[in-house]
Amino acid sequence: MKNNGPVTQREIDYPESAVFVSRTDLKGVMTDANASFIEVSGFGREELLGKSHNRVRHPDMPAWAFADLWATVKSGHVWRGIVKNRAKNGDHYWVRATVSPIVCHGKVEGYAHSDDDHNSTC
């Protein structure tokens, strides 16, 4: 597991209206991220796209949580949980995450990560 340190003890407070959406390929490499995700994470779009979604993984998150996430979405189901993400500057923010397989023509093409219940189709 990659250690995304250093970290601070500062929590980022963001508006309740902010909706984070990102997409990854089957290996967890980011293919898209919306403006809210980019702004709160502190990373530039070019620092996120083409990189592992683990880039925002906070070291406090237990490995078993992500093992469960991957087992769930690889079996074709939606995973929901609370995730502590690390911003570029080491601060953190909490996300009520939903990760869904993106199904195109009956085949899983990637995963949609959001903080609400998005429909994940191509």
PDB file of N, CA and C in Angstrom:
ATOM      1  N   MET A   1       0.837  -1.174   0.000  1.00  0.00           N
ATOM      2  CA  MET A   1       0.000   0.000   0.000  1.00  0.00           C
ATOM      3  C   MET A   1       0.885   1.242   0.000  1.00  0.00           C
ATOM      4  N   LYS A   2       0.572   2.184  -0.861  1.00  0.00           N
ATOM      5  CA  LYS A   2       1.305   3.432  -0.961  1.00  0.00           C
ATOM      6  C   LYS A   2       1.039   4.286   0.273  1.00  0.00           C
ATOM      7  N   ASN A   3       2.086   4.897   0.828  1.00  0.00           N
ATOM      8  CA  ASN A   3       1.932   5.807   1.951  1.00  0.00           C
ATOM      9  C   ASN A   3       1.870   7.226   1.412  1.00  0.00           C
ATOM     10  N   ASN A   4       0.699   7.828   1.462  1.00  0.00           N
ATOM     11  CA  ASN A   4       0.500   9.175   0.948  1.00  0.00           C
ATOM     12  C   ASN A   4       0.760  10.223   2.021  1.00  0.00           C
ATOM     13  N   GLY A   5       1.921  10.183   2.651  1.00  0.00           N
ATOM     14  CA  GLY A   5       2.257  11.169   3.678  1.00  0.00           C
ATOM     15  C   GLY A   5       2.991  12.321   3.048  1.00  0.00           C
ATOM     16  N   PRO A   6       3.325  13.345   3.759  1.00  0.00           N
ATOM     17  CA  PRO A   6       2.905  13.546   5.146  1.00  0.00           C
ATOM     18  C   PRO A   6       1.464  14.041   5.217  1.00  0.00           C
ATOM     19  N   VAL A   7       0.926  13.986   6.411  1.00  0.00           N
ATOM     20  CA  VAL A   7      -0.440  14.452   6.635  1.00  0.00           C
ATOM     21  C   VAL A   7      -0.447  15.493   7.752  1.00  0.00           C
ATOM     22  N   THR A   8      -1.470  16.317   7.734  1.00  0.00           N
ATOM     23  CA  THR A   8      -1.703  17.281   8.798  1.00  0.00           C
ATOM     24  C   THR A   8      -2.878  16.761   9.623  1.00  0.00           C
ATOM     25  N   GLN A   9      -3.247  17.463  10.616  1.00  0.00           N
ATOM     26  CA  GLN A   9      -4.447  17.110  11.391  1.00  0.00           C
ATOM     27  C   GLN A   9      -5.604  18.052  11.050  1.00  0.00           C
ATOM     28  N   ARG A  10      -5.482  18.796   9.929  1.00  0.00           N
ATOM     29  CA  ARG A  10      -6.513  19.759   9.542  1.00  0.00           C
ATOM     30  C   ARG A  10      -7.548  19.102   8.631  1.00  0.00           C
ATOM     31  N   GLU A  11      -8.810  19.294   9.000  1.00  0.00           N
ATOM     32  CA  GLU A  11      -9.914  18.784   8.193  1.00  0.00           C
ATOM     33  C   GLU A  11     -10.418  19.893   7.280  1.00  0.00           C
ATOM     34  N   ILE A  12     -10.652  19.544   6.036  1.00  0.00           N
ATOM     35  CA  ILE A  12     -11.193  20.503   5.065  1.00  0.00           C
ATOM     36  C   ILE A  12     -12.707  20.500   5.197  1.00  0.00           C
ATOM     37  N   ASP A  13     -13.255  21.670   5.415  1.00  0.00           N
ATOM     38  CA  ASP A  13     -14.705  21.834   5.480  1.00  0.00           C
ATOM     39  C   ASP A  13     -15.164  22.348   4.115  1.00  0.00           C
ATOM     40  N   TYR A  14     -15.988  21.602   3.451  1.00  0.00           N
ATOM     41  CA  TYR A  14     -16.455  21.999   2.132  1.00  0.00           C
ATOM     42  C   TYR A  14     -17.972  22.081   2.140  1.00  0.00           C
ATOM     43  N   PRO A  15     -18.564  22.834   1.214  1.00  0.00           N
ATOM     44  CA  PRO A  15     -20.020  23.002   1.204  1.00  0.00           C
ATOM     45  C   PRO A  15     -20.750  21.674   1.010  1.00  0.00           C
ATOM     46  N   GLU A  16     -21.861  21.538   1.686  1.00  0.00           N
ATOM     47  CA  GLU A  16     -22.680  20.329   1.552  1.00  0.00           C
ATOM     48  C   GLU A  16     -23.155  20.132   0.115  1.00  0.00           C
ATOM     49  N   SER A  17     -23.235  21.211  -0.628  1.00  0.00           N
ATOM     50  CA  SER A  17     -23.699  21.143  -2.012  1.00  0.00           C
ATOM     51  C   SER A  17     -22.639  20.576  -2.961  1.00  0.00           C
ATOM     52  N   ALA A  18     -21.401  20.473  -2.513  1.00  0.00           N
ATOM     53  CA  ALA A  18     -20.332  19.935  -3.368  1.00  0.00           C
ATOM     54  C   ALA A  18     -20.566  18.446  -3.610  1.00  0.00           C
ATOM     55  N   VAL A  19     -20.539  18.060  -4.853  1.00  0.00           N
ATOM     56  CA  VAL A  19     -20.692  16.654  -5.234  1.00  0.00           C
ATOM     57  C   VAL A  19     -19.402  16.238  -5.931  1.00  0.00           C
ATOM     58  N   PHE A  20     -18.755  15.204  -5.396  1.00  0.00           N
ATOM     59  CA  PHE A  20     -17.510  14.706  -5.983  1.00  0.00           C
ATOM     60  C   PHE A  20     -17.818  13.546  -6.902  1.00  0.00           C
ATOM     61  N   VAL A  21     -17.277  13.607  -8.110  1.00  0.00           N
ATOM     62  CA  VAL A  21     -17.441  12.515  -9.062  1.00  0.00           C
ATOM     63  C   VAL A  21     -16.095  12.272  -9.730  1.00  0.00           C
ATOM     64  N   SER A  22     -15.687  11.025  -9.768  1.00  0.00           N
ATOM     65  CA  SER A  22     -14.497  10.641 -10.526  1.00  0.00           C
ATOM     66  C   SER A  22     -14.777   9.293 -11.163  1.00  0.00           C
ATOM     67  N   ARG A  23     -14.001   8.989 -12.166  1.00  0.00           N
ATOM     68  CA  ARG A  23     -14.114   7.695 -12.859  1.00  0.00           C
ATOM     69  C   ARG A  23     -12.727   7.107 -12.984  1.00  0.00           C
ATOM     70  N   THR A  24     -12.691   5.792 -12.922  1.00  0.00           N
ATOM     71  CA  THR A  24     -11.424   5.086 -13.099  1.00  0.00           C
ATOM     72  C   THR A  24     -11.598   3.970 -14.108  1.00  0.00           C
ATOM     73  N   ASP A  25     -10.478   3.488 -14.597  1.00  0.00           N
ATOM     74  CA  ASP A  25     -10.508   2.292 -15.422  1.00  0.00           C
ATOM     75  C   ASP A  25     -10.591   1.080 -14.496  1.00  0.00           C
ATOM     76  N   LEU A  26     -10.463  -0.091 -15.044  1.00  0.00           N
ATOM     77  CA  LEU A  26     -10.597  -1.313 -14.256  1.00  0.00           C
ATOM     78  C   LEU A  26      -9.485  -1.497 -13.228  1.00  0.00           C
ATOM     79  N   LYS A  27      -8.366  -0.801 -13.409  1.00  0.00           N
ATOM     80  CA  LYS A  27      -7.236  -0.918 -12.482  1.00  0.00           C
ATOM     81  C   LYS A  27      -7.202   0.217 -11.455  1.00  0.00           C
ATOM     82  N   GLY A  28      -8.201   1.106 -11.478  1.00  0.00           N
ATOM     83  CA  GLY A  28      -8.239   2.204 -10.516  1.00  0.00           C
ATOM     84  C   GLY A  28      -7.491   3.449 -10.953  1.00  0.00           C
ATOM     85  N   VAL A  29      -7.128   3.528 -12.235  1.00  0.00           N
ATOM     86  CA  VAL A  29      -6.456   4.715 -12.767  1.00  0.00           C
ATOM     87  C   VAL A  29      -7.533   5.728 -13.161  1.00  0.00           C
ATOM     88  N   MET A  30      -7.381   6.964 -12.689  1.00  0.00           N
ATOM     89  CA  MET A  30      -8.403   7.979 -12.915  1.00  0.00           C
ATOM     90  C   MET A  30      -8.482   8.399 -14.378  1.00  0.00           C
ATOM     91  N   THR A  31      -9.721   8.402 -14.886  1.00  0.00           N
ATOM     92  CA  THR A  31      -9.976   8.822 -16.260  1.00  0.00           C
ATOM     93  C   THR A  31     -10.777  10.117 -16.318  1.00  0.00           C
ATOM     94  N   ASP A  32     -11.377  10.512 -15.193  1.00  0.00           N
ATOM     95  CA  ASP A  32     -12.147  11.749 -15.144  1.00  0.00           C
ATOM     96  C   ASP A  32     -12.330  12.161 -13.694  1.00  0.00           C
ATOM     97  N   ALA A  33     -12.466  13.462 -13.471  1.00  0.00           N
ATOM     98  CA  ALA A  33     -12.751  14.011 -12.149  1.00  0.00           C
ATOM     99  C   ALA A  33     -13.461  15.334 -12.347  1.00  0.00           C
ATOM    100  N   ASN A  34     -14.526  15.570 -11.573  1.00  0.00           N
ATOM    101  CA  ASN A  34     -15.248  16.821 -11.747  1.00  0.00           C
ATOM    102  C   ASN A  34     -14.574  17.958 -10.975  1.00  0.00           C
ATOM    103  N   ALA A  35     -15.059  19.169 -11.196  1.00  0.00           N
ATOM    104  CA  ALA A  35     -14.448  20.372 -10.616  1.00  0.00           C
ATOM    105  C   ALA A  35     -14.434  20.344  -9.091  1.00  0.00           C
ATOM    106  N   SER A  36     -15.495  19.858  -8.455  1.00  0.00           N
ATOM    107  CA  SER A  36     -15.535  19.805  -6.987  1.00  0.00           C
ATOM    108  C   SER A  36     -14.457  18.880  -6.438  1.00  0.00           C
ATOM    109  N   PHE A  37     -14.293  17.730  -7.059  1.00  0.00           N
ATOM    110  CA  PHE A  37     -13.262  16.781  -6.630  1.00  0.00           C
ATOM    111  C   PHE A  37     -11.882  17.417  -6.744  1.00  0.00           C
ATOM    112  N   ILE A  38     -11.622  18.042  -7.873  1.00  0.00           N
ATOM    113  CA  ILE A  38     -10.322  18.670  -8.115  1.00  0.00           C
ATOM    114  C   ILE A  38     -10.075  19.791  -7.112  1.00  0.00           C
ATOM    115  N   GLU A  39     -11.069  20.653  -6.915  1.00  0.00           N
ATOM    116  CA  GLU A  39     -10.902  21.796  -6.015  1.00  0.00           C
ATOM    117  C   GLU A  39     -10.614  21.371  -4.577  1.00  0.00           C
ATOM    118  N   VAL A  40     -11.400  20.463  -4.043  1.00  0.00           N
ATOM    119  CA  VAL A  40     -11.222  20.075  -2.645  1.00  0.00           C
ATOM    120  C   VAL A  40      -9.964  19.236  -2.445  1.00  0.00           C
ATOM    121  N   SER A  41      -9.617  18.399  -3.419  1.00  0.00           N
ATOM    122  CA  SER A  41      -8.414  17.571  -3.282  1.00  0.00           C
ATOM    123  C   SER A  41      -7.142  18.415  -3.346  1.00  0.00           C
ATOM    124  N   GLY A  42      -7.206  19.550  -4.015  1.00  0.00           N
ATOM    125  CA  GLY A  42      -6.032  20.406  -4.146  1.00  0.00           C
ATOM    126  C   GLY A  42      -5.087  19.998  -5.267  1.00  0.00           C
ATOM    127  N   PHE A  43      -5.372  18.890  -5.904  1.00  0.00           N
ATOM    128  CA  PHE A  43      -4.555  18.440  -7.041  1.00  0.00           C
ATOM    129  C   PHE A  43      -5.087  19.079  -8.314  1.00  0.00           C
ATOM    130  N   GLY A  44      -4.209  19.342  -9.256  1.00  0.00           N
ATOM    131  CA  GLY A  44      -4.637  19.795 -10.565  1.00  0.00           C
ATOM    132  C   GLY A  44      -5.165  18.623 -11.375  1.00  0.00           C
ATOM    133  N   ARG A  45      -5.972  18.912 -12.351  1.00  0.00           N
ATOM    134  CA  ARG A  45      -6.543  17.873 -13.210  1.00  0.00           C
ATOM    135  C   ARG A  45      -5.432  16.981 -13.780  1.00  0.00           C
ATOM    136  N   GLU A  46      -4.339  17.614 -14.230  1.00  0.00           N
ATOM    137  CA  GLU A  46      -3.230  16.860 -14.830  1.00  0.00           C
ATOM    138  C   GLU A  46      -2.501  16.006 -13.790  1.00  0.00           C
ATOM    139  N   GLU A  47      -2.628  16.320 -12.515  1.00  0.00           N
ATOM    140  CA  GLU A  47      -2.007  15.526 -11.456  1.00  0.00           C
ATOM    141  C   GLU A  47      -2.864  14.322 -11.068  1.00  0.00           C
ATOM    142  N   LEU A  48      -4.120  14.314 -11.515  1.00  0.00           N
ATOM    143  CA  LEU A  48      -5.037  13.229 -11.166  1.00  0.00           C
ATOM    144  C   LEU A  48      -5.272  12.260 -12.313  1.00  0.00           C
ATOM    145  N   LEU A  49      -5.592  12.800 -13.487  1.00  0.00           N
ATOM    146  CA  LEU A  49      -5.928  11.923 -14.611  1.00  0.00           C
ATOM    147  C   LEU A  49      -4.704  11.135 -15.052  1.00  0.00           C
ATOM    148  N   GLY A  50      -4.916   9.846 -15.242  1.00  0.00           N
ATOM    149  CA  GLY A  50      -3.825   8.950 -15.615  1.00  0.00           C
ATOM    150  C   GLY A  50      -3.064   8.409 -14.415  1.00  0.00           C
ATOM    151  N   LYS A  51      -3.475   8.813 -13.226  1.00  0.00           N
ATOM    152  CA  LYS A  51      -2.829   8.355 -11.989  1.00  0.00           C
ATOM    153  C   LYS A  51      -3.812   7.504 -11.188  1.00  0.00           C
ATOM    154  N   SER A  52      -3.288   6.692 -10.298  1.00  0.00           N
ATOM    155  CA  SER A  52      -4.124   5.846  -9.452  1.00  0.00           C
ATOM    156  C   SER A  52      -5.009   6.699  -8.541  1.00  0.00           C
ATOM    157  N   HIS A  53      -6.233   6.244  -8.343  1.00  0.00           N
ATOM    158  CA  HIS A  53      -7.149   6.928  -7.424  1.00  0.00           C
ATOM    159  C   HIS A  53      -6.575   6.917  -6.009  1.00  0.00           C
ATOM    160  N   ASN A  54      -5.635   6.003  -5.760  1.00  0.00           N
ATOM    161  CA  ASN A  54      -4.958   5.967  -4.456  1.00  0.00           C
ATOM    162  C   ASN A  54      -4.209   7.258  -4.152  1.00  0.00           C
ATOM    163  N   ARG A  55      -4.047   8.109  -5.140  1.00  0.00           N
ATOM    164  CA  ARG A  55      -3.359   9.388  -4.931  1.00  0.00           C
ATOM    165  C   ARG A  55      -4.035  10.192  -3.812  1.00  0.00           C
ATOM    166  N   VAL A  56      -5.344  10.036  -3.626  1.00  0.00           N
ATOM    167  CA  VAL A  56      -6.055  10.773  -2.584  1.00  0.00           C
ATOM    168  C   VAL A  56      -6.334   9.896  -1.353  1.00  0.00           C
ATOM    169  N   ARG A  57      -5.761   8.727  -1.325  1.00  0.00           N
ATOM    170  CA  ARG A  57      -5.979   7.813  -0.195  1.00  0.00           C
ATOM    171  C   ARG A  57      -5.243   8.320   1.043  1.00  0.00           C
ATOM    172  N   HIS A  58      -5.970   8.476   2.121  1.00  0.00           N
ATOM    173  CA  HIS A  58      -5.353   8.919   3.374  1.00  0.00           C
ATOM    174  C   HIS A  58      -4.756   7.709   4.082  1.00  0.00           C
ATOM    175  N   PRO A  59      -3.548   7.838   4.658  1.00  0.00           N
ATOM    176  CA  PRO A  59      -2.920   6.697   5.321  1.00  0.00           C
ATOM    177  C   PRO A  59      -3.699   6.152   6.516  1.00  0.00           C
ATOM    178  N   ASP A  60      -4.636   6.923   7.054  1.00  0.00           N
ATOM    179  CA  ASP A  60      -5.473   6.430   8.157  1.00  0.00           C
ATOM    180  C   ASP A  60      -6.504   5.408   7.706  1.00  0.00           C
ATOM    181  N   MET A  61      -6.775   5.345   6.396  1.00  0.00           N
ATOM    182  CA  MET A  61      -7.776   4.396   5.905  1.00  0.00           C
ATOM    183  C   MET A  61      -7.210   2.977   5.953  1.00  0.00           C
ATOM    184  N   PRO A  62      -7.946   2.063   6.595  1.00  0.00           N
ATOM    185  CA  PRO A  62      -7.445   0.694   6.713  1.00  0.00           C
ATOM    186  C   PRO A  62      -7.467  -0.051   5.371  1.00  0.00           C
ATOM    187  N   ALA A  63      -6.470  -0.896   5.177  1.00  0.00           N
ATOM    188  CA  ALA A  63      -6.369  -1.674   3.932  1.00  0.00           C
ATOM    189  C   ALA A  63      -7.604  -2.543   3.713  1.00  0.00           C
ATOM    190  N   TRP A  64      -8.210  -3.054   4.797  1.00  0.00           N
ATOM    191  CA  TRP A  64      -9.375  -3.932   4.642  1.00  0.00           C
ATOM    192  C   TRP A  64     -10.547  -3.197   3.998  1.00  0.00           C
ATOM    193  N   ALA A  65     -10.650  -1.879   4.217  1.00  0.00           N
ATOM    194  CA  ALA A  65     -11.761  -1.121   3.624  1.00  0.00           C
ATOM    195  C   ALA A  65     -11.663  -1.151   2.101  1.00  0.00           C
ATOM    196  N   PHE A  66     -10.447  -0.983   1.574  1.00  0.00           N
ATOM    197  CA  PHE A  66     -10.272  -0.991   0.125  1.00  0.00           C
ATOM    198  C   PHE A  66     -10.312  -2.400  -0.441  1.00  0.00           C
ATOM    199  N   ALA A  67      -9.900  -3.379   0.332  1.00  0.00           N
ATOM    200  CA  ALA A  67     -10.046  -4.772  -0.105  1.00  0.00           C
ATOM    201  C   ALA A  67     -11.529  -5.098  -0.272  1.00  0.00           C
ATOM    202  N   ASP A  68     -12.342  -4.638   0.680  1.00  0.00           N
ATOM    203  CA  ASP A  68     -13.792  -4.850   0.600  1.00  0.00           C
ATOM    204  C   ASP A  68     -14.383  -4.095  -0.587  1.00  0.00           C
ATOM    205  N   LEU A  69     -13.941  -2.855  -0.799  1.00  0.00           N
ATOM    206  CA  LEU A  69     -14.418  -2.067  -1.934  1.00  0.00           C
ATOM    207  C   LEU A  69     -14.160  -2.820  -3.239  1.00  0.00           C
ATOM    208  N   TRP A  70     -12.897  -3.246  -3.449  1.00  0.00           N
ATOM    209  CA  TRP A  70     -12.550  -3.924  -4.693  1.00  0.00           C
ATOM    210  C   TRP A  70     -13.288  -5.247  -4.858  1.00  0.00           C
ATOM    211  N   ALA A  71     -13.406  -6.014  -3.794  1.00  0.00           N
ATOM    212  CA  ALA A  71     -14.133  -7.291  -3.884  1.00  0.00           C
ATOM    213  C   ALA A  71     -15.587  -7.047  -4.272  1.00  0.00           C
ATOM    214  N   THR A  72     -16.170  -6.000  -3.726  1.00  0.00           N
ATOM    215  CA  THR A  72     -17.576  -5.687  -3.997  1.00  0.00           C
ATOM    216  C   THR A  72     -17.784  -5.251  -5.441  1.00  0.00           C
ATOM    217  N   VAL A  73     -17.004  -4.267  -5.914  1.00  0.00           N
ATOM    218  CA  VAL A  73     -17.240  -3.758  -7.273  1.00  0.00           C
ATOM    219  C   VAL A  73     -16.813  -4.763  -8.339  1.00  0.00           C
ATOM    220  N   LYS A  74     -15.783  -5.550  -8.069  1.00  0.00           N
ATOM    221  CA  LYS A  74     -15.378  -6.567  -9.043  1.00  0.00           C
ATOM    222  C   LYS A  74     -16.411  -7.677  -9.180  1.00  0.00           C
ATOM    223  N   SER A  75     -17.262  -7.826  -8.146  1.00  0.00           N
ATOM    224  CA  SER A  75     -18.333  -8.813  -8.242  1.00  0.00           C
ATOM    225  C   SER A  75     -19.586  -8.211  -8.881  1.00  0.00           C
ATOM    226  N   GLY A  76     -19.482  -6.952  -9.330  1.00  0.00           N
ATOM    227  CA  GLY A  76     -20.583  -6.315 -10.042  1.00  0.00           C
ATOM    228  C   GLY A  76     -21.545  -5.540  -9.171  1.00  0.00           C
ATOM    229  N   HIS A  77     -21.224  -5.376  -7.901  1.00  0.00           N
ATOM    230  CA  HIS A  77     -22.110  -4.683  -6.970  1.00  0.00           C
ATOM    231  C   HIS A  77     -21.607  -3.278  -6.648  1.00  0.00           C
ATOM    232  N   VAL A  78     -22.491  -2.476  -6.084  1.00  0.00           N
ATOM    233  CA  VAL A  78     -22.164  -1.114  -5.658  1.00  0.00           C
ATOM    234  C   VAL A  78     -21.619  -1.162  -4.235  1.00  0.00           C
ATOM    235  N   TRP A  79     -20.545  -0.421  -3.988  1.00  0.00           N
ATOM    236  CA  TRP A  79     -19.954  -0.322  -2.645  1.00  0.00           C
ATOM    237  C   TRP A  79     -20.238   1.064  -2.090  1.00  0.00           C
ATOM    238  N   ARG A  80     -20.613   1.116  -0.810  1.00  0.00           N
ATOM    239  CA  ARG A  80     -20.836   2.386  -0.129  1.00  0.00           C
ATOM    240  C   ARG A  80     -20.075   2.384   1.179  1.00  0.00           C
ATOM    241  N   GLY A  81     -19.479   3.529   1.518  1.00  0.00           N
ATOM    242  CA  GLY A  81     -18.777   3.639   2.784  1.00  0.00           C
ATOM    243  C   GLY A  81     -18.287   5.050   3.017  1.00  0.00           C
ATOM    244  N   ILE A  82     -17.792   5.284   4.208  1.00  0.00           N
ATOM    245  CA  ILE A  82     -17.204   6.573   4.564  1.00  0.00           C
ATOM    246  C   ILE A  82     -15.703   6.467   4.316  1.00  0.00           C
ATOM    247  N   VAL A  83     -15.165   7.432   3.568  1.00  0.00           N
ATOM    248  CA  VAL A  83     -13.757   7.406   3.194  1.00  0.00           C
ATOM    249  C   VAL A  83     -13.097   8.713   3.628  1.00  0.00           C
ATOM    250  N   LYS A  84     -11.921   8.578   4.224  1.00  0.00           N
ATOM    251  CA  LYS A  84     -11.104   9.735   4.569  1.00  0.00           C
ATOM    252  C   LYS A  84     -10.077   9.904   3.454  1.00  0.00           C
ATOM    253  N   ASN A  85     -10.182  11.018   2.726  1.00  0.00           N
ATOM    254  CA  ASN A  85      -9.258  11.295   1.637  1.00  0.00           C
ATOM    255  C   ASN A  85      -8.194  12.289   2.088  1.00  0.00           C
ATOM    256  N   ARG A  86      -7.039  12.198   1.466  1.00  0.00           N
ATOM    257  CA  ARG A  86      -5.938  13.124   1.728  1.00  0.00           C
ATOM    258  C   ARG A  86      -5.858  14.129   0.593  1.00  0.00           C
ATOM    259  N   ALA A  87      -5.845  15.418   0.953  1.00  0.00           N
ATOM    260  CA  ALA A  87      -5.649  16.476  -0.028  1.00  0.00           C
ATOM    261  C   ALA A  87      -4.158  16.599  -0.334  1.00  0.00           C
ATOM    262  N   LYS A  88      -3.837  17.285  -1.391  1.00  0.00           N
ATOM    263  CA  LYS A  88      -2.450  17.442  -1.810  1.00  0.00           C
ATOM    264  C   LYS A  88      -1.574  18.038  -0.712  1.00  0.00           C
ATOM    265  N   ASN A  89      -2.119  18.969   0.071  1.00  0.00           N
ATOM    266  CA  ASN A  89      -1.335  19.632   1.118  1.00  0.00           C
ATOM    267  C   ASN A  89      -1.261  18.842   2.424  1.00  0.00           C
ATOM    268  N   GLY A  90      -1.848  17.632   2.451  1.00  0.00           N
ATOM    269  CA  GLY A  90      -1.802  16.800   3.648  1.00  0.00           C
ATOM    270  C   GLY A  90      -3.030  16.917   4.527  1.00  0.00           C
ATOM    271  N   ASP A  91      -3.888  17.902   4.277  1.00  0.00           N
ATOM    272  CA  ASP A  91      -5.142  18.007   5.009  1.00  0.00           C
ATOM    273  C   ASP A  91      -6.038  16.832   4.596  1.00  0.00           C
ATOM    274  N   HIS A  92      -7.154  16.671   5.277  1.00  0.00           N
ATOM    275  CA  HIS A  92      -8.050  15.565   4.926  1.00  0.00           C
ATOM    276  C   HIS A  92      -9.491  16.042   4.820  1.00  0.00           C
ATOM    277  N   TYR A  93     -10.292  15.227   4.142  1.00  0.00           N
ATOM    278  CA  TYR A  93     -11.723  15.484   4.011  1.00  0.00           C
ATOM    279  C   TYR A  93     -12.433  14.141   3.949  1.00  0.00           C
ATOM    280  N   TRP A  94     -13.642  14.144   4.463  1.00  0.00           N
ATOM    281  CA  TRP A  94     -14.444  12.920   4.534  1.00  0.00           C
ATOM    282  C   TRP A  94     -15.439  12.895   3.390  1.00  0.00           C
ATOM    283  N   VAL A  95     -15.646  11.701   2.840  1.00  0.00           N
ATOM    284  CA  VAL A  95     -16.583  11.514   1.736  1.00  0.00           C
ATOM    285  C   VAL A  95     -17.483  10.319   2.052  1.00  0.00           C
ATOM    286  N   ARG A  96     -18.767  10.508   1.879  1.00  0.00           N
ATOM    287  CA  ARG A  96     -19.716   9.386   1.935  1.00  0.00           C
ATOM    288  C   ARG A  96     -19.734   8.830   0.512  1.00  0.00           C
ATOM    289  N   ALA A  97     -18.905   7.823   0.274  1.00  0.00           N
ATOM    290  CA  ALA A  97     -18.597   7.374  -1.086  1.00  0.00           C
ATOM    291  C   ALA A  97     -19.513   6.264  -1.578  1.00  0.00           C
ATOM    292  N   THR A  98     -19.774   6.334  -2.858  1.00  0.00           N
ATOM    293  CA  THR A  98     -20.454   5.270  -3.590  1.00  0.00           C
ATOM    294  C   THR A  98     -19.556   4.933  -4.780  1.00  0.00           C
ATOM    295  N   VAL A  99     -19.199   3.671  -4.921  1.00  0.00           N
ATOM    296  CA  VAL A  99     -18.382   3.229  -6.059  1.00  0.00           C
ATOM    297  C   VAL A  99     -19.198   2.193  -6.818  1.00  0.00           C
ATOM    298  N   SER A 100     -19.392   2.467  -8.100  1.00  0.00           N
ATOM    299  CA  SER A 100     -20.257   1.624  -8.927  1.00  0.00           C
ATOM    300  C   SER A 100     -19.539   1.172 -10.178  1.00  0.00           C
ATOM    301  N   PRO A 101     -19.753  -0.076 -10.579  1.00  0.00           N
ATOM    302  CA  PRO A 101     -19.226  -0.505 -11.877  1.00  0.00           C
ATOM    303  C   PRO A 101     -19.903   0.291 -12.993  1.00  0.00           C
ATOM    304  N   ILE A 102     -19.128   0.672 -14.011  1.00  0.00           N
ATOM    305  CA  ILE A 102     -19.675   1.321 -15.207  1.00  0.00           C
ATOM    306  C   ILE A 102     -19.843   0.218 -16.240  1.00  0.00           C
ATOM    307  N   VAL A 103     -21.077  -0.046 -16.594  1.00  0.00           N
ATOM    308  CA  VAL A 103     -21.375  -1.150 -17.500  1.00  0.00           C
ATOM    309  C   VAL A 103     -21.761  -0.597 -18.865  1.00  0.00           C
ATOM    310  N   CYS A 104     -21.039  -1.037 -19.887  1.00  0.00           N
ATOM    311  CA  CYS A 104     -21.306  -0.662 -21.272  1.00  0.00           C
ATOM    312  C   CYS A 104     -21.526  -1.932 -22.085  1.00  0.00           C
ATOM    313  N   HIS A 105     -22.695  -2.033 -22.668  1.00  0.00           N
ATOM    314  CA  HIS A 105     -23.031  -3.184 -23.513  1.00  0.00           C
ATOM    315  C   HIS A 105     -22.797  -4.501 -22.773  1.00  0.00           C
ATOM    316  N   GLY A 106     -23.177  -4.527 -21.496  1.00  0.00           N
ATOM    317  CA  GLY A 106     -23.075  -5.746 -20.702  1.00  0.00           C
ATOM    318  C   GLY A 106     -21.700  -6.052 -20.143  1.00  0.00           C
ATOM    319  N   LYS A 107     -20.728  -5.158 -20.339  1.00  0.00           N
ATOM    320  CA  LYS A 107     -19.362  -5.394 -19.879  1.00  0.00           C
ATOM    321  C   LYS A 107     -18.919  -4.254 -18.971  1.00  0.00           C
ATOM    322  N   VAL A 108     -18.261  -4.591 -17.862  1.00  0.00           N
ATOM    323  CA  VAL A 108     -17.746  -3.563 -16.959  1.00  0.00           C
ATOM    324  C   VAL A 108     -16.538  -2.903 -17.617  1.00  0.00           C
ATOM    325  N   GLU A 109     -16.619  -1.563 -17.766  1.00  0.00           N
ATOM    326  CA  GLU A 109     -15.570  -0.791 -18.438  1.00  0.00           C
ATOM    327  C   GLU A 109     -14.713   0.011 -17.462  1.00  0.00           C
ATOM    328  N   GLY A 110     -15.196   0.180 -16.242  1.00  0.00           N
ATOM    329  CA  GLY A 110     -14.490   0.975 -15.253  1.00  0.00           C
ATOM    330  C   GLY A 110     -15.387   1.178 -14.047  1.00  0.00           C
ATOM    331  N   TYR A 111     -15.065   2.194 -13.243  1.00  0.00           N
ATOM    332  CA  TYR A 111     -15.817   2.445 -12.014  1.00  0.00           C
ATOM    333  C   TYR A 111     -16.083   3.924 -11.838  1.00  0.00           C
ATOM    334  N   ALA A 112     -17.271   4.236 -11.348  1.00  0.00           N
ATOM    335  CA  ALA A 112     -17.642   5.606 -11.021  1.00  0.00           C
ATOM    336  C   ALA A 112     -17.582   5.755  -9.506  1.00  0.00           C
ATOM    337  N   HIS A 113     -16.919   6.811  -9.064  1.00  0.00           N
ATOM    338  CA  HIS A 113     -16.769   7.113  -7.649  1.00  0.00           C
ATOM    339  C   HIS A 113     -17.516   8.416  -7.404  1.00  0.00           C
ATOM    340  N   SER A 114     -18.444   8.410  -6.467  1.00  0.00           N
ATOM    341  CA  SER A 114     -19.185   9.634  -6.201  1.00  0.00           C
ATOM    342  C   SER A 114     -19.617   9.669  -4.746  1.00  0.00           C
ATOM    343  N   ASP A 115     -20.129  10.824  -4.357  1.00  0.00           N
ATOM    344  CA  ASP A 115     -20.633  10.939  -2.997  1.00  0.00           C
ATOM    345  C   ASP A 115     -22.148  11.020  -3.000  1.00  0.00           C
ATOM    346  N   ASP A 116     -22.751  10.416  -4.012  1.00  0.00           N
ATOM    347  CA  ASP A 116     -24.193  10.237  -4.042  1.00  0.00           C
ATOM    348  C   ASP A 116     -24.482   9.008  -4.895  1.00  0.00           C
ATOM    349  N   ASP A 117     -25.726   8.728  -5.134  1.00  0.00           N
ATOM    350  CA  ASP A 117     -26.094   7.527  -5.874  1.00  0.00           C
ATOM    351  C   ASP A 117     -26.247   7.820  -7.359  1.00  0.00           C
ATOM    352  N   HIS A 118     -25.127   7.861  -8.075  1.00  0.00           N
ATOM    353  CA  HIS A 118     -25.135   8.058  -9.518  1.00  0.00           C
ATOM    354  C   HIS A 118     -25.467   6.756 -10.221  1.00  0.00           C
ATOM    355  N   ASN A 119     -26.125   6.869 -11.350  1.00  0.00           N
ATOM    356  CA  ASN A 119     -26.337   5.730 -12.225  1.00  0.00           C
ATOM    357  C   ASN A 119     -25.063   5.564 -13.056  1.00  0.00           C
ATOM    358  N   SER A 120     -24.476   4.406 -13.035  1.00  0.00           N
ATOM    359  CA  SER A 120     -23.169   4.208 -13.678  1.00  0.00           C
ATOM    360  C   SER A 120     -23.276   3.393 -14.952  1.00  0.00           C
ATOM    361  N   THR A 121     -23.640   4.081 -16.003  1.00  0.00           N
ATOM    362  CA  THR A 121     -23.669   3.454 -17.317  1.00  0.00           C
ATOM    363  C   THR A 121     -22.823   4.285 -18.258  1.00  0.00           C
ATOM    364  N   CYS A 122     -22.461   3.694 -19.395  1.00  0.00           N
ATOM    365  CA  CYS A 122     -21.623   4.441 -20.347  1.00  0.00           C
ATOM    366  C   CYS A 122     -22.438   5.419 -21.151  1.00  0.00           C
TER     367      CYS A 122
END
